[in-house]
C-alpha atoms as a PDB file:
ATOM      1  CA  MET A   1     464.461  -7.074 285.484  1.00  0.00           C
ATOM      2  CA  LEU A   2     467.183  -4.497 286.099  1.00  0.00           C
ATOM      3  CA  ILE A   3     465.682  -1.712 284.024  1.00  0.00           C
ATOM      4  CA  GLN A   4     462.425  -2.003 285.966  1.00  0.00           C
ATOM      5  CA  THR A   5     464.279  -1.461 289.256  1.00  0.00           C
ATOM      6  CA  ALA A   6     465.911   1.664 287.799  1.00  0.00           C
ATOM      7  CA  VAL A   7     462.523   2.932 286.559  1.00  0.00           C
ATOM      8  CA  ASP A   8     461.000   2.214 289.987  1.00  0.00           C
ATOM      9  CA  ALA A   9     463.754   4.253 291.703  1.00  0.00           C
ATOM     10  CA  LEU A  10     463.157   7.150 289.303  1.00  0.00           C
ATOM     11  CA  ARG A  11     459.376   7.099 289.716  1.00  0.00           C
ATOM     12  CA  SER A  12     459.509   6.739 293.506  1.00  0.00           C
ATOM     13  CA  GLY A  13     462.004   9.603 293.890  1.00  0.00           C
ATOM     14  CA  ARG A  14     464.534   7.404 295.700  1.00  0.00           C
ATOM     15  CA  ARG A  15     468.257   6.880 295.314  1.00  0.00           C
ATOM     16  CA  LEU A  16     469.614   3.619 293.941  1.00  0.00           C
ATOM     17  CA  GLU A  17     472.630   1.696 295.208  1.00  0.00           C
ATOM     18  CA  ILE A  18     474.473  -0.328 292.581  1.00  0.00           C
ATOM     19  CA  ARG A  19     477.683  -2.235 292.013  1.00  0.00           C
ATOM     20  CA  TYR A  20     479.374  -1.110 288.780  1.00  0.00           C
ATOM     21  CA  ASP A  21     482.954  -1.709 287.591  1.00  0.00           C
ATOM     22  CA  GLY A  22     483.750  -3.192 291.007  1.00  0.00           C
ATOM     23  CA  TYR A  23     482.598  -0.119 292.939  1.00  0.00           C
ATOM     24  CA  ILE A  24     479.570   0.511 295.109  1.00  0.00           C
ATOM     25  CA  ARG A  25     477.829   3.663 293.903  1.00  0.00           C
ATOM     26  CA  VAL A  26     474.775   5.616 294.991  1.00  0.00           C
ATOM     27  CA  VAL A  27     472.984   7.288 292.104  1.00  0.00           C
ATOM     28  CA  GLU A  28     469.902   9.329 291.270  1.00  0.00           C
ATOM     29  CA  VAL A  29     468.212   8.028 288.133  1.00  0.00           C
ATOM     30  CA  HIS A  30     467.133  10.722 285.658  1.00  0.00           C
ATOM     31  CA  ALA A  31     466.298   8.595 282.591  1.00  0.00           C
ATOM     32  CA  CYS A  32     466.091   4.921 281.600  1.00  0.00           C
ATOM     33  CA  GLY A  33     466.019   3.531 278.099  1.00  0.00           C
ATOM     34  CA  TYR A  34     467.871   1.777 275.309  1.00  0.00           C
ATOM     35  CA  THR A  35     470.850   2.812 273.179  1.00  0.00           C
ATOM     36  CA  PRO A  36     470.717   2.575 269.393  1.00  0.00           C
ATOM     37  CA  LYS A  37     472.493  -0.808 269.765  1.00  0.00           C
ATOM     38  CA  GLY A  38     469.761  -2.065 272.124  1.00  0.00           C
ATOM     39  CA  HIS A  39     471.645  -1.849 275.429  1.00  0.00           C
ATOM     40  CA  ALA A  40     469.512  -0.974 278.468  1.00  0.00           C
ATOM     41  CA  VAL A  41     471.010   2.124 280.110  1.00  0.00           C
ATOM     42  CA  MET A  42     470.274   4.718 282.745  1.00  0.00           C
ATOM     43  CA  ARG A  43     471.381   8.333 282.922  1.00  0.00           C
ATOM     44  CA  VAL A  44     472.293   9.046 286.524  1.00  0.00           C
ATOM     45  CA  TRP A  45     473.822  11.614 288.803  1.00  0.00           C
ATOM     46  CA  GLN A  46     476.301   9.772 291.003  1.00  0.00           C
ATOM     47  CA  VAL A  47     476.019  11.031 294.572  1.00  0.00           C
ATOM     48  CA  ARG A  48     478.769   8.969 296.183  1.00  0.00           C
ATOM     49  CA  GLY A  49     480.889   5.893 295.756  1.00  0.00           C
ATOM     50  CA  GLY A  50     483.822   4.819 293.632  1.00  0.00           C
ATOM     51  CA  SER A  51     484.543   5.094 289.934  1.00  0.00           C
ATOM     52  CA  VAL A  52     487.175   3.816 287.511  1.00  0.00           C
ATOM     53  CA  SER A  53     487.737   7.413 286.354  1.00  0.00           C
ATOM     54  CA  GLY A  54     488.141   8.589 289.961  1.00  0.00           C
ATOM     55  CA  GLU A  55     485.160  10.914 289.474  1.00  0.00           C
ATOM     56  CA  ARG A  56     483.054  10.164 292.558  1.00  0.00           C
ATOM     57  CA  ALA A  57     480.161  12.493 291.721  1.00  0.00           C
ATOM     58  CA  GLY A  58     478.624  13.672 288.500  1.00  0.00           C
ATOM     59  CA  TRP A  59     476.786  12.578 285.379  1.00  0.00           C
ATOM     60  CA  LYS A  60     477.118   8.981 284.188  1.00  0.00           C
ATOM     61  CA  LEU A  61     475.506   6.821 281.530  1.00  0.00           C
ATOM     62  CA  LEU A  62     475.537   3.274 282.916  1.00  0.00           C
ATOM     63  CA  ARG A  63     474.739   0.068 281.082  1.00  0.00           C
ATOM     64  CA  LEU A  64     472.365  -2.064 283.105  1.00  0.00           C
ATOM     65  CA  ASP A  65     473.857  -5.354 281.841  1.00  0.00           C
ATOM     66  CA  GLU A  66     477.099  -4.290 283.579  1.00  0.00           C
ATOM     67  CA  THR A  67     475.308  -3.387 286.815  1.00  0.00           C
ATOM     68  CA  ARG A  68     474.913  -5.698 289.816  1.00  0.00           C
ATOM     69  CA  GLY A  69     473.041  -5.593 293.108  1.00  0.00           C
ATOM     70  CA  LEU A  70     470.527  -2.832 292.393  1.00  0.00           C
ATOM     71  CA  GLN A  71     468.794  -1.761 295.578  1.00  0.00           C
ATOM     72  CA  ILE A  72     466.406   1.141 296.037  1.00  0.00           C
ATOM     73  CA  LEU A  73     467.431   3.067 299.153  1.00  0.00           C
ATOM     74  CA  ASP A  74     465.271   4.870 301.661  1.00  0.00           C
ATOM     75  CA  GLU A  75     466.993   8.125 300.675  1.00  0.00           C
ATOM     76  CA  PRO A  76     465.185  10.801 298.685  1.00  0.00           C
ATOM     77  CA  SER A  77     466.591  11.676 295.273  1.00  0.00           C
ATOM     78  CA  GLU A  78     467.391  15.325 294.587  1.00  0.00           C
ATOM     79  CA  ALA A  79     466.610  14.878 290.893  1.00  0.00           C
ATOM     80  CA  PRO A  80     466.482  16.703 288.654  1.00  0.00           C
ATOM     81  CA  ARG A  81     470.032  17.902 289.065  1.00  0.00           C
ATOM     82  CA  PRO A  82     471.280  21.060 287.328  1.00  0.00           C
ATOM     83  CA  GLN A  83     472.104  20.657 283.644  1.00  0.00           C
ATOM     84  CA  TYR A  84     469.749  17.711 283.176  1.00  0.00           C
ATOM     85  CA  LYS A  85     468.098  17.751 279.767  1.00  0.00           C
ATOM     86  CA  LYS A  86     465.092  15.659 278.772  1.00  0.00           C
ATOM     87  CA  GLY A  87     465.308  13.578 275.616  1.00  0.00           C
ATOM     88  CA  ASP A  88     468.728  12.020 276.274  1.00  0.00           C
ATOM     89  CA  ARG A  89     470.556  11.839 272.940  1.00  0.00           C
ATOM     90  CA  ASP A  90     472.389   8.646 273.915  1.00  0.00           C
ATOM     91  CA  MET A  91     469.072   6.794 274.091  1.00  0.00           C
ATOM     92  CA  ALA A  92     467.200   5.690 270.987  1.00  0.00           C
ATOM     93  CA  ARG A  93     464.176   4.769 273.110  1.00  0.00           C
ATOM     94  CA  ILE A  94     463.385   6.297 276.514  1.00  0.00           C
ATOM     95  CA  LEU A  95     461.169   4.328 278.905  1.00  0.00           C
ATOM     96  CA  ALA A  96     461.081   6.858 281.742  1.00  0.00           C
ATOM     97  CA  GLN A  97     462.624  10.230 282.520  1.00  0.00           C
ATOM     98  CA  ILE A  98     462.317  13.031 285.049  1.00  0.00           C
END
C-alpha cells in the first residue's frame, strides 16, 4: 500500500524517491492522510528532482494514487523543514505527521 510506504519513510526519518508527473523526485514526508474527497496524500518537502511547475524544491501536496515507484532511500530526512505546520488543512484525516 502506497500510503504505508510514505508513513514508513516519515517514521523512519528517511527520504523517499518517487515518480510523479513523469519526474523522479526525492522528498521528505511531513504528513500523510486523506483529503476531504478521500484521496490519499502526503505533504512533502521536495529536495531534488523535476516538476511540472519547474519548482525543483519546496512544499508539495502529492496524491498517492498518482505516484509510482516509491522507494525509501538510505538518506536521512531533514524534516521538519521551516514553515511546517502540524494539522495540515488540506487533509480531513491525518494518519501520521512530524
